[in-house]
All heavy atoms as atom14 arrays in JSON, in Angstrom:
{
  "sequence": "MVFQSFNLFAHKSVLDNVTLGPIKVRGQKRPEAEQRGKQLLDRVG",
  "atom14_mask": [
    [1, 1, 1, 1, 1, 1, 1, 1, 0, 0, 0, 0, 0, 0],
    [1, 1, 1, 1, 1, 1, 1, 0, 0, 0, 0, 0, 0, 0],
    [1, 1, 1, 1, 1, 1, 1, 1, 1, 1, 1, 0, 0, 0],
    [1, 1, 1, 1, 1, 1, 1, 1, 1, 0, 0, 0, 0, 0],
    [1, 1, 1, 1, 1, 1, 0, 0, 0, 0, 0, 0, 0, 0],
    [1, 1, 1, 1, 1, 1, 1, 1, 1, 1, 1, 0, 0, 0],
    [1, 1, 1, 1, 1, 1, 1, 1, 0, 0, 0, 0, 0, 0],
    [1, 1, 1, 1, 1, 1, 1, 1, 0, 0, 0, 0, 0, 0],
    [1, 1, 1, 1, 1, 1, 1, 1, 1, 1, 1, 0, 0, 0],
    [1, 1, 1, 1, 1, 0, 0, 0, 0, 0, 0, 0, 0, 0],
    [1, 1, 1, 1, 1, 1, 1, 1, 1, 1, 0, 0, 0, 0],
    [1, 1, 1, 1, 1, 1, 1, 1, 1, 0, 0, 0, 0, 0],
    [1, 1, 1, 1, 1, 1, 0, 0, 0, 0, 0, 0, 0, 0],
    [1, 1, 1, 1, 1, 1, 1, 0, 0, 0, 0, 0, 0, 0],
    [1, 1, 1, 1, 1, 1, 1, 1, 0, 0, 0, 0, 0, 0],
    [1, 1, 1, 1, 1, 1, 1, 1, 0, 0, 0, 0, 0, 0],
    [1, 1, 1, 1, 1, 1, 1, 1, 0, 0, 0, 0, 0, 0],
    [1, 1, 1, 1, 1, 1, 1, 0, 0, 0, 0, 0, 0, 0],
    [1, 1, 1, 1, 1, 1, 1, 0, 0, 0, 0, 0, 0, 0],
    [1, 1, 1, 1, 1, 1, 1, 1, 0, 0, 0, 0, 0, 0],
    [1, 1, 1, 1, 0, 0, 0, 0, 0, 0, 0, 0, 0, 0],
    [1, 1, 1, 1, 1, 1, 1, 0, 0, 0, 0, 0, 0, 0],
    [1, 1, 1, 1, 1, 1, 1, 1, 0, 0, 0, 0, 0, 0],
    [1, 1, 1, 1, 1, 1, 1, 1, 1, 0, 0, 0, 0, 0],
    [1, 1, 1, 1, 1, 1, 1, 0, 0, 0, 0, 0, 0, 0],
    [1, 1, 1, 1, 1, 1, 1, 1, 1, 1, 1, 0, 0, 0],
    [1, 1, 1, 1, 0, 0, 0, 0, 0, 0, 0, 0, 0, 0],
    [1, 1, 1, 1, 1, 1, 1, 1, 1, 0, 0, 0, 0, 0],
    [1, 1, 1, 1, 1, 1, 1, 1, 1, 0, 0, 0, 0, 0],
    [1, 1, 1, 1, 1, 1, 1, 1, 1, 1, 1, 0, 0, 0],
    [1, 1, 1, 1, 1, 1, 1, 0, 0, 0, 0, 0, 0, 0],
    [1, 1, 1, 1, 1, 1, 1, 1, 1, 0, 0, 0, 0, 0],
    [1, 1, 1, 1, 1, 0, 0, 0, 0, 0, 0, 0, 0, 0],
    [1, 1, 1, 1, 1, 1, 1, 1, 1, 0, 0, 0, 0, 0],
    [1, 1, 1, 1, 1, 1, 1, 1, 1, 0, 0, 0, 0, 0],
    [1, 1, 1, 1, 1, 1, 1, 1, 1, 1, 1, 0, 0, 0],
    [1, 1, 1, 1, 0, 0, 0, 0, 0, 0, 0, 0, 0, 0],
    [1, 1, 1, 1, 1, 1, 1, 1, 1, 0, 0, 0, 0, 0],
    [1, 1, 1, 1, 1, 1, 1, 1, 1, 0, 0, 0, 0, 0],
    [1, 1, 1, 1, 1, 1, 1, 1, 0, 0, 0, 0, 0, 0],
    [1, 1, 1, 1, 1, 1, 1, 1, 0, 0, 0, 0, 0, 0],
    [1, 1, 1, 1, 1, 1, 1, 1, 0, 0, 0, 0, 0, 0],
    [1, 1, 1, 1, 1, 1, 1, 1, 1, 1, 1, 0, 0, 0],
    [1, 1, 1, 1, 1, 1, 1, 0, 0, 0, 0, 0, 0, 0],
    [1, 1, 1, 1, 0, 0, 0, 0, 0, 0, 0, 0, 0, 0]
  ],
  "atom14_positions": [
    [[-43.1, -22.32, 1.62], [-43.93, -22.89, 0.55], [-43.1, -22.96, -0.73], [-42.49, -21.97, -1.14], [-45.16, -22.01, 0.33], [-46.14, -22.56, -0.69], [-47.43, -23.54, 0.12], [-48.36, -24.1, -1.32], [0.0, 0.0, 0.0], [0.0, 0.0, 0.0], [0.0, 0.0, 0.0], [0.0, 0.0, 0.0], [0.0, 0.0, 0.0], [0.0, 0.0, 0.0]],
    [[-43.09, -24.13, -1.34], [-42.41, -24.32, -2.62], [-43.45, -24.79, -3.62], [-44.09, -25.83, -3.43], [-41.26, -25.35, -2.5], [-40.6, -25.57, -3.85], [-40.23, -24.89, -1.46], [0.0, 0.0, 0.0], [0.0, 0.0, 0.0], [0.0, 0.0, 0.0], [0.0, 0.0, 0.0], [0.0, 0.0, 0.0], [0.0, 0.0, 0.0], [0.0, 0.0, 0.0]],
    [[-43.64, -24.0, -4.67], [-44.68, -24.26, -5.66], [-44.12, -25.03, -6.86], [-42.91, -25.1, -7.06], [-45.27, -22.93, -6.18], [-45.82, -22.03, -5.1], [-45.01, -21.13, -4.44], [-47.17, -22.09, -4.76], [-45.52, -20.29, -3.46], [-47.69, -21.25, -3.78], [-46.86, -20.35, -3.14], [0.0, 0.0, 0.0], [0.0, 0.0, 0.0], [0.0, 0.0, 0.0]],
    [[-45.02, -25.53, -7.7], [-44.54, -26.23, -8.89], [-43.95, -25.27, -9.91], [-43.13, -25.66, -10.74], [-45.65, -27.07, -9.51], [-46.93, -26.36, -9.83], [-47.98, -27.32, -10.37], [-47.81, -27.88, -11.45], [-49.06, -27.52, -9.65], [0.0, 0.0, 0.0], [0.0, 0.0, 0.0], [0.0, 0.0, 0.0], [0.0, 0.0, 0.0], [0.0, 0.0, 0.0]],
    [[-44.34, -23.99, -9.86], [-43.92, -23.04, -10.89], [-42.84, -22.06, -10.41], [-42.67, -20.99, -11.0], [-45.14, -22.25, -11.39], [-45.8, -21.64, -10.29], [0.0, 0.0, 0.0], [0.0, 0.0, 0.0], [0.0, 0.0, 0.0], [0.0, 0.0, 0.0], [0.0, 0.0, 0.0], [0.0, 0.0, 0.0], [0.0, 0.0, 0.0], [0.0, 0.0, 0.0]],
    [[-42.12, -22.41, -9.36], [-40.96, -21.68, -8.84], [-41.33, -20.33, -8.21], [-40.91, -20.03, -7.11], [-39.87, -21.45, -9.9], [-39.63, -22.58, -10.85], [-39.39, -22.34, -12.2], [-39.65, -23.9, -10.42], [-39.17, -23.39, -13.09], [-39.43, -24.96, -11.29], [-39.2, -24.69, -12.63], [0.0, 0.0, 0.0], [0.0, 0.0, 0.0], [0.0, 0.0, 0.0]],
    [[-42.08, -19.47, -8.94], [-42.53, -18.17, -8.41], [-41.39, -17.27, -7.96], [-41.52, -16.56, -6.98], [-43.52, -18.37, -7.25], [-44.89, -18.84, -7.72], [-45.04, -19.31, -8.84], [-45.88, -18.73, -6.87], [0.0, 0.0, 0.0], [0.0, 0.0, 0.0], [0.0, 0.0, 0.0], [0.0, 0.0, 0.0], [0.0, 0.0, 0.0], [0.0, 0.0, 0.0]],
    [[-40.29, -17.31, -8.68], [-39.18, -16.41, -8.37], [-39.42, -15.04, -9.02], [-40.11, -14.94, -10.03], [-37.86, -16.99, -8.89], [-37.43, -18.33, -8.29], [-36.19, -18.85, -9.0], [-37.17, -18.21, -6.79], [0.0, 0.0, 0.0], [0.0, 0.0, 0.0], [0.0, 0.0, 0.0], [0.0, 0.0, 0.0], [0.0, 0.0, 0.0], [0.0, 0.0, 0.0]],
    [[-38.84, -13.99, -8.43], [-38.93, -12.65, -9.02], [-37.92, -12.56, -10.17], [-36.7, -12.6, -9.95], [-38.63, -11.58, -7.98], [-39.69, -11.46, -6.93], [-39.44, -11.87, -5.62], [-40.95, -10.95, -7.23], [-40.42, -11.77, -4.64], [-41.93, -10.85, -6.25], [-41.68, -11.25, -4.96], [0.0, 0.0, 0.0], [0.0, 0.0, 0.0], [0.0, 0.0, 0.0]],
    [[-38.44, -12.42, -11.39], [-37.59, -12.47, -12.58], [-36.59, -11.32, -12.64], [-35.49, -11.47, -13.2], [-38.46, -12.46, -13.84], [0.0, 0.0, 0.0], [0.0, 0.0, 0.0], [0.0, 0.0, 0.0], [0.0, 0.0, 0.0], [0.0, 0.0, 0.0], [0.0, 0.0, 0.0], [0.0, 0.0, 0.0], [0.0, 0.0, 0.0], [0.0, 0.0, 0.0]],
    [[-36.95, -10.16, -12.06], [-36.1, -8.97, -12.18], [-35.08, -8.87, -11.05], [-34.34, -7.89, -10.98], [-36.97, -7.71, -12.19], [-37.76, -7.52, -10.93], [-38.83, -8.34, -10.6], [-37.64, -6.64, -9.9], [-39.32, -7.95, -9.42], [-38.62, -6.92, -8.99], [0.0, 0.0, 0.0], [0.0, 0.0, 0.0], [0.0, 0.0, 0.0], [0.0, 0.0, 0.0]],
    [[-35.06, -9.87, -10.15], [-34.09, -9.86, -9.05], [-33.11, -11.02, -9.22], [-33.47, -12.08, -9.73], [-34.81, -9.98, -7.71], [-35.64, -8.75, -7.33], [-36.19, -8.87, -5.93], [-36.98, -7.62, -5.56], [-36.1, -6.44, -5.44], [0.0, 0.0, 0.0], [0.0, 0.0, 0.0], [0.0, 0.0, 0.0], [0.0, 0.0, 0.0], [0.0, 0.0, 0.0]],
    [[-31.89, -10.81, -8.74], [-30.9, -11.87, -8.81], [-31.33, -13.04, -7.91], [-32.21, -12.9, -7.05], [-29.53, -11.36, -8.37], [-29.51, -11.14, -6.96], [0.0, 0.0, 0.0], [0.0, 0.0, 0.0], [0.0, 0.0, 0.0], [0.0, 0.0, 0.0], [0.0, 0.0, 0.0], [0.0, 0.0, 0.0], [0.0, 0.0, 0.0], [0.0, 0.0, 0.0]],
    [[-30.65, -14.16, -8.1], [-30.91, -15.33, -7.27], [-30.72, -14.99, -5.8], [-31.57, -15.32, -4.95], [-29.97, -16.48, -7.71], [-29.9, -17.57, -6.64], [-30.46, -17.08, -9.03], [0.0, 0.0, 0.0], [0.0, 0.0, 0.0], [0.0, 0.0, 0.0], [0.0, 0.0, 0.0], [0.0, 0.0, 0.0], [0.0, 0.0, 0.0], [0.0, 0.0, 0.0]],
    [[-29.61, -14.33, -5.46], [-29.36, -14.01, -4.06], [-30.41, -13.03, -3.52], [-30.87, -13.19, -2.38], [-27.96, -13.41, -3.89], [-27.54, -13.1, -2.46], [-27.57, -14.36, -1.59], [-26.13, -12.48, -2.44], [0.0, 0.0, 0.0], [0.0, 0.0, 0.0], [0.0, 0.0, 0.0], [0.0, 0.0, 0.0], [0.0, 0.0, 0.0], [0.0, 0.0, 0.0]],
    [[-30.81, -12.07, -4.34], [-31.84, -11.12, -3.89], [-33.18, -11.82, -3.67], [-33.93, -11.46, -2.75], [-32.02, -9.99, -4.92], [-30.89, -8.97, -4.86], [-30.14, -8.97, -3.87], [-30.76, -8.18, -5.83], [0.0, 0.0, 0.0], [0.0, 0.0, 0.0], [0.0, 0.0, 0.0], [0.0, 0.0, 0.0], [0.0, 0.0, 0.0], [0.0, 0.0, 0.0]],
    [[-33.49, -12.83, -4.48], [-34.71, -13.6, -4.27], [-34.7, -14.28, -2.9], [-35.72, -14.33, -2.21], [-34.86, -14.66, -5.37], [-35.72, -14.22, -6.53], [-36.95, -14.27, -6.48], [-35.07, -13.75, -7.59], [0.0, 0.0, 0.0], [0.0, 0.0, 0.0], [0.0, 0.0, 0.0], [0.0, 0.0, 0.0], [0.0, 0.0, 0.0], [0.0, 0.0, 0.0]],
    [[-33.54, -14.77, -2.51], [-33.42, -15.51, -1.25], [-33.42, -14.58, -0.04], [-33.94, -14.93, 1.03], [-32.16, -16.4, -1.28], [-31.91, -17.06, 0.07], [-32.29, -17.48, -2.36], [0.0, 0.0, 0.0], [0.0, 0.0, 0.0], [0.0, 0.0, 0.0], [0.0, 0.0, 0.0], [0.0, 0.0, 0.0], [0.0, 0.0, 0.0], [0.0, 0.0, 0.0]],
    [[-32.85, -13.37, -0.2], [-32.7, -12.48, 0.96], [-33.87, -11.53, 1.16], [-33.99, -10.91, 2.23], [-31.42, -11.63, 0.82], [-31.49, -10.86, -0.4], [-30.19, -12.5, 0.79], [0.0, 0.0, 0.0], [0.0, 0.0, 0.0], [0.0, 0.0, 0.0], [0.0, 0.0, 0.0], [0.0, 0.0, 0.0], [0.0, 0.0, 0.0], [0.0, 0.0, 0.0]],
    [[-34.76, -11.41, 0.17], [-35.84, -10.43, 0.25], [-36.72, -10.64, 1.48], [-36.99, -9.7, 2.24], [-36.69, -10.48, -1.02], [-37.8, -9.45, -1.12], [-37.23, -8.04, -1.21], [-38.7, -9.73, -2.34], [0.0, 0.0, 0.0], [0.0, 0.0, 0.0], [0.0, 0.0, 0.0], [0.0, 0.0, 0.0], [0.0, 0.0, 0.0], [0.0, 0.0, 0.0]],
    [[-37.15, -11.88, 1.71], [-38.02, -12.17, 2.86], [-37.36, -11.89, 4.2], [-37.93, -11.18, 5.05], [0.0, 0.0, 0.0], [0.0, 0.0, 0.0], [0.0, 0.0, 0.0], [0.0, 0.0, 0.0], [0.0, 0.0, 0.0], [0.0, 0.0, 0.0], [0.0, 0.0, 0.0], [0.0, 0.0, 0.0], [0.0, 0.0, 0.0], [0.0, 0.0, 0.0]],
    [[-36.16, -12.43, 4.43], [-35.51, -12.16, 5.72], [-35.3, -10.66, 6.0], [-35.42, -10.23, 7.14], [-34.17, -12.89, 5.58], [-34.45, -14.0, 4.63], [-35.45, -13.45, 3.65], [0.0, 0.0, 0.0], [0.0, 0.0, 0.0], [0.0, 0.0, 0.0], [0.0, 0.0, 0.0], [0.0, 0.0, 0.0], [0.0, 0.0, 0.0], [0.0, 0.0, 0.0]],
    [[-35.01, -9.89, 4.95], [-34.79, -8.45, 5.14], [-36.11, -7.73, 5.4], [-36.24, -6.95, 6.35], [-34.05, -7.85, 3.92], [-32.61, -8.37, 3.86], [-34.06, -6.32, 3.99], [-31.88, -8.04, 2.57], [0.0, 0.0, 0.0], [0.0, 0.0, 0.0], [0.0, 0.0, 0.0], [0.0, 0.0, 0.0], [0.0, 0.0, 0.0], [0.0, 0.0, 0.0]],
    [[-37.12, -8.01, 4.56], [-38.38, -7.28, 4.63], [-39.28, -7.74, 5.78], [-39.94, -6.93, 6.42], [-39.15, -7.42, 3.31], [-38.47, -6.8, 2.1], [-38.6, -5.3, 2.11], [-38.12, -4.71, 0.79], [-38.11, -3.24, 0.82], [0.0, 0.0, 0.0], [0.0, 0.0, 0.0], [0.0, 0.0, 0.0], [0.0, 0.0, 0.0], [0.0, 0.0, 0.0]],
    [[-39.3, -9.05, 6.02], [-40.24, -9.6, 7.01], [-39.57, -9.84, 8.36], [-40.11, -9.49, 9.41], [-40.88, -10.91, 6.48], [-41.84, -11.49, 7.53], [-41.6, -10.66, 5.17], [0.0, 0.0, 0.0], [0.0, 0.0, 0.0], [0.0, 0.0, 0.0], [0.0, 0.0, 0.0], [0.0, 0.0, 0.0], [0.0, 0.0, 0.0], [0.0, 0.0, 0.0]],
    [[-38.38, -10.42, 8.33], [-37.67, -10.74, 9.57], [-36.85, -9.56, 10.1], [-36.4, -9.58, 11.25], [-36.74, -11.93, 9.35], [-37.43, -13.25, 9.03], [-37.99, -13.87, 10.26], [-38.35, -15.27, 10.04], [-39.32, -15.88, 10.7], [-40.03, -15.22, 11.59], [-39.6, -17.15, 10.47], [0.0, 0.0, 0.0], [0.0, 0.0, 0.0], [0.0, 0.0, 0.0]],
    [[-36.63, -8.54, 9.24], [-35.87, -7.38, 9.68], [-34.38, -7.61, 9.79], [-33.68, -6.89, 10.51], [0.0, 0.0, 0.0], [0.0, 0.0, 0.0], [0.0, 0.0, 0.0], [0.0, 0.0, 0.0], [0.0, 0.0, 0.0], [0.0, 0.0, 0.0], [0.0, 0.0, 0.0], [0.0, 0.0, 0.0], [0.0, 0.0, 0.0], [0.0, 0.0, 0.0]],
    [[-33.87, -8.62, 9.06], [-32.44, -8.87, 9.11], [-31.68, -7.76, 8.37], [-32.16, -7.19, 7.4], [-32.12, -10.22, 8.45], [-32.44, -11.43, 9.31], [-32.0, -12.73, 8.64], [-31.3, -12.73, 7.65], [-32.46, -13.85, 9.2], [0.0, 0.0, 0.0], [0.0, 0.0, 0.0], [0.0, 0.0, 0.0], [0.0, 0.0, 0.0], [0.0, 0.0, 0.0]],
    [[-30.47, -7.51, 8.83], [-29.58, -6.6, 8.12], [-29.08, -7.29, 6.84], [-28.87, -8.51, 6.84], [-28.38, -6.24, 9.0], [-28.76, -5.48, 10.27], [-29.16, -4.04, 9.95], [-29.34, -3.21, 11.21], [-30.61, -3.48, 11.9], [0.0, 0.0, 0.0], [0.0, 0.0, 0.0], [0.0, 0.0, 0.0], [0.0, 0.0, 0.0], [0.0, 0.0, 0.0]],
    [[-28.89, -6.5, 5.78], [-28.53, -7.08, 4.49], [-27.28, -7.97, 4.56], [-27.29, -9.1, 4.01], [-28.37, -5.99, 3.43], [-28.06, -6.56, 2.03], [-28.1, -5.49, 0.96], [-29.43, -4.93, 0.81], [-30.4, -5.48, 0.07], [-30.16, -6.63, -0.55], [-31.57, -4.91, -0.01], [0.0, 0.0, 0.0], [0.0, 0.0, 0.0], [0.0, 0.0, 0.0]],
    [[-26.18, -7.54, 5.19], [-24.99, -8.42, 5.21], [-25.27, -9.78, 5.84], [-24.81, -10.82, 5.35], [-23.98, -7.62, 6.04], [-24.4, -6.2, 5.88], [-25.9, -6.24, 5.82], [0.0, 0.0, 0.0], [0.0, 0.0, 0.0], [0.0, 0.0, 0.0], [0.0, 0.0, 0.0], [0.0, 0.0, 0.0], [0.0, 0.0, 0.0], [0.0, 0.0, 0.0]],
    [[-26.04, -9.77, 6.93], [-26.39, -11.03, 7.6], [-27.26, -11.9, 6.7], [-27.04, -13.11, 6.57], [-27.15, -10.7, 8.9], [-27.63, -11.91, 9.68], [-28.56, -11.55, 10.82], [-28.69, -10.35, 11.14], [-29.16, -12.48, 11.4], [0.0, 0.0, 0.0], [0.0, 0.0, 0.0], [0.0, 0.0, 0.0], [0.0, 0.0, 0.0], [0.0, 0.0, 0.0]],
    [[-28.26, -11.27, 6.05], [-29.16, -12.02, 5.17], [-28.4, -12.59, 3.98], [-28.66, -13.72, 3.55], [-30.3, -11.11, 4.7], [0.0, 0.0, 0.0], [0.0, 0.0, 0.0], [0.0, 0.0, 0.0], [0.0, 0.0, 0.0], [0.0, 0.0, 0.0], [0.0, 0.0, 0.0], [0.0, 0.0, 0.0], [0.0, 0.0, 0.0], [0.0, 0.0, 0.0]],
    [[-27.46, -11.82, 3.44], [-26.7, -12.29, 2.28], [-25.76, -13.43, 2.64], [-25.6, -14.38, 1.88], [-25.94, -11.13, 1.64], [-26.88, -10.14, 0.93], [-26.15, -9.11, 0.11], [-24.9, -8.99, 0.26], [-26.81, -8.41, -0.69], [0.0, 0.0, 0.0], [0.0, 0.0, 0.0], [0.0, 0.0, 0.0], [0.0, 0.0, 0.0], [0.0, 0.0, 0.0]],
    [[-25.16, -13.34, 3.83], [-24.29, -14.43, 4.27], [-25.1, -15.73, 4.41], [-24.68, -16.79, 3.94], [-23.62, -14.07, 5.59], [-22.68, -15.16, 6.1], [-22.07, -14.82, 7.45], [-22.47, -13.87, 8.12], [-21.09, -15.6, 7.87], [0.0, 0.0, 0.0], [0.0, 0.0, 0.0], [0.0, 0.0, 0.0], [0.0, 0.0, 0.0], [0.0, 0.0, 0.0]],
    [[-26.24, -15.62, 5.06], [-27.1, -16.79, 5.24], [-27.62, -17.28, 3.89], [-27.69, -18.48, 3.63], [-28.27, -16.41, 6.16], [-29.4, -17.42, 6.24], [-29.15, -18.49, 7.25], [-30.34, -19.3, 7.42], [-30.32, -20.62, 7.53], [-29.18, -21.28, 7.51], [-31.43, -21.31, 7.69], [0.0, 0.0, 0.0], [0.0, 0.0, 0.0], [0.0, 0.0, 0.0]],
    [[-28.0, -16.34, 3.01], [-28.5, -16.71, 1.69], [-27.48, -17.49, 0.88], [-27.81, -18.49, 0.24], [0.0, 0.0, 0.0], [0.0, 0.0, 0.0], [0.0, 0.0, 0.0], [0.0, 0.0, 0.0], [0.0, 0.0, 0.0], [0.0, 0.0, 0.0], [0.0, 0.0, 0.0], [0.0, 0.0, 0.0], [0.0, 0.0, 0.0], [0.0, 0.0, 0.0]],
    [[-26.22, -17.05, 0.93], [-25.17, -17.76, 0.2], [-24.96, -19.16, 0.77], [-24.73, -20.12, 0.02], [-23.87, -16.96, 0.26], [-23.9, -15.69, -0.59], [-22.66, -14.84, -0.38], [-22.72, -13.56, -1.19], [-21.58, -12.65, -0.91], [0.0, 0.0, 0.0], [0.0, 0.0, 0.0], [0.0, 0.0, 0.0], [0.0, 0.0, 0.0], [0.0, 0.0, 0.0]],
    [[-25.05, -19.29, 2.1], [-24.92, -20.61, 2.72], [-26.03, -21.54, 2.23], [-25.78, -22.72, 1.93], [-24.98, -20.48, 4.24], [-23.75, -19.83, 4.86], [-23.94, -19.55, 6.35], [-25.05, -19.62, 6.88], [-22.84, -19.21, 7.03], [0.0, 0.0, 0.0], [0.0, 0.0, 0.0], [0.0, 0.0, 0.0], [0.0, 0.0, 0.0], [0.0, 0.0, 0.0]],
    [[-27.25, -21.01, 2.15], [-28.39, -21.83, 1.73], [-28.29, -22.2, 0.25], [-28.62, -23.33, -0.14], [-29.71, -21.11, 2.02], [-30.09, -21.02, 3.49], [-31.25, -20.06, 3.69], [-30.45, -22.41, 4.04], [0.0, 0.0, 0.0], [0.0, 0.0, 0.0], [0.0, 0.0, 0.0], [0.0, 0.0, 0.0], [0.0, 0.0, 0.0], [0.0, 0.0, 0.0]],
    [[-27.84, -21.27, -0.57], [-27.66, -21.58, -1.99], [-26.59, -22.65, -2.17], [-26.73, -23.55, -3.01], [-27.31, -20.31, -2.77], [-28.45, -19.3, -2.9], [-27.94, -17.98, -3.47], [-29.57, -19.85, -3.79], [0.0, 0.0, 0.0], [0.0, 0.0, 0.0], [0.0, 0.0, 0.0], [0.0, 0.0, 0.0], [0.0, 0.0, 0.0], [0.0, 0.0, 0.0]],
    [[-25.52, -22.58, -1.37], [-24.51, -23.64, -1.38], [-25.14, -24.97, -0.95], [-24.87, -26.02, -1.55], [-23.35, -23.3, -0.44], [-22.4, -22.26, -1.02], [-22.37, -22.09, -2.25], [-21.69, -21.61, -0.22], [0.0, 0.0, 0.0], [0.0, 0.0, 0.0], [0.0, 0.0, 0.0], [0.0, 0.0, 0.0], [0.0, 0.0, 0.0], [0.0, 0.0, 0.0]],
    [[-25.97, -24.9, 0.06], [-26.59, -26.11, 0.62], [-27.45, -26.84, -0.4], [-27.48, -28.07, -0.43], [-27.43, -25.7, 1.83], [-28.09, -26.82, 2.59], [-28.69, -26.24, 3.86], [-29.66, -27.1, 4.51], [-30.4, -26.73, 5.54], [-30.27, -25.51, 6.04], [-31.26, -27.57, 6.1], [0.0, 0.0, 0.0], [0.0, 0.0, 0.0], [0.0, 0.0, 0.0]],
    [[-28.12, -26.07, -1.28], [-28.97, -26.71, -2.3], [-28.25, -26.85, -3.63], [-28.85, -27.23, -4.64], [-30.31, -25.97, -2.48], [-31.1, -25.94, -1.18], [-30.1, -24.55, -3.01], [0.0, 0.0, 0.0], [0.0, 0.0, 0.0], [0.0, 0.0, 0.0], [0.0, 0.0, 0.0], [0.0, 0.0, 0.0], [0.0, 0.0, 0.0], [0.0, 0.0, 0.0]],
    [[-26.94, -26.53, -3.65], [-26.13, -26.82, -4.82], [-26.15, -25.79, -5.93], [-25.77, -26.1, -7.07], [0.0, 0.0, 0.0], [0.0, 0.0, 0.0], [0.0, 0.0, 0.0], [0.0, 0.0, 0.0], [0.0, 0.0, 0.0], [0.0, 0.0, 0.0], [0.0, 0.0, 0.0], [0.0, 0.0, 0.0], [0.0, 0.0, 0.0], [0.0, 0.0, 0.0]]
  ]
}
């Protein structure tokens, strides 16, 4: 879900915003989530 008001966590870094769900919900290990997160951030510029 992408909202009009972004809904990012202000107190977390951009990368932490992206990796929070995969780590907490999907149970990914942090290094794996961060690698994927960086790829996705690159993908969206």
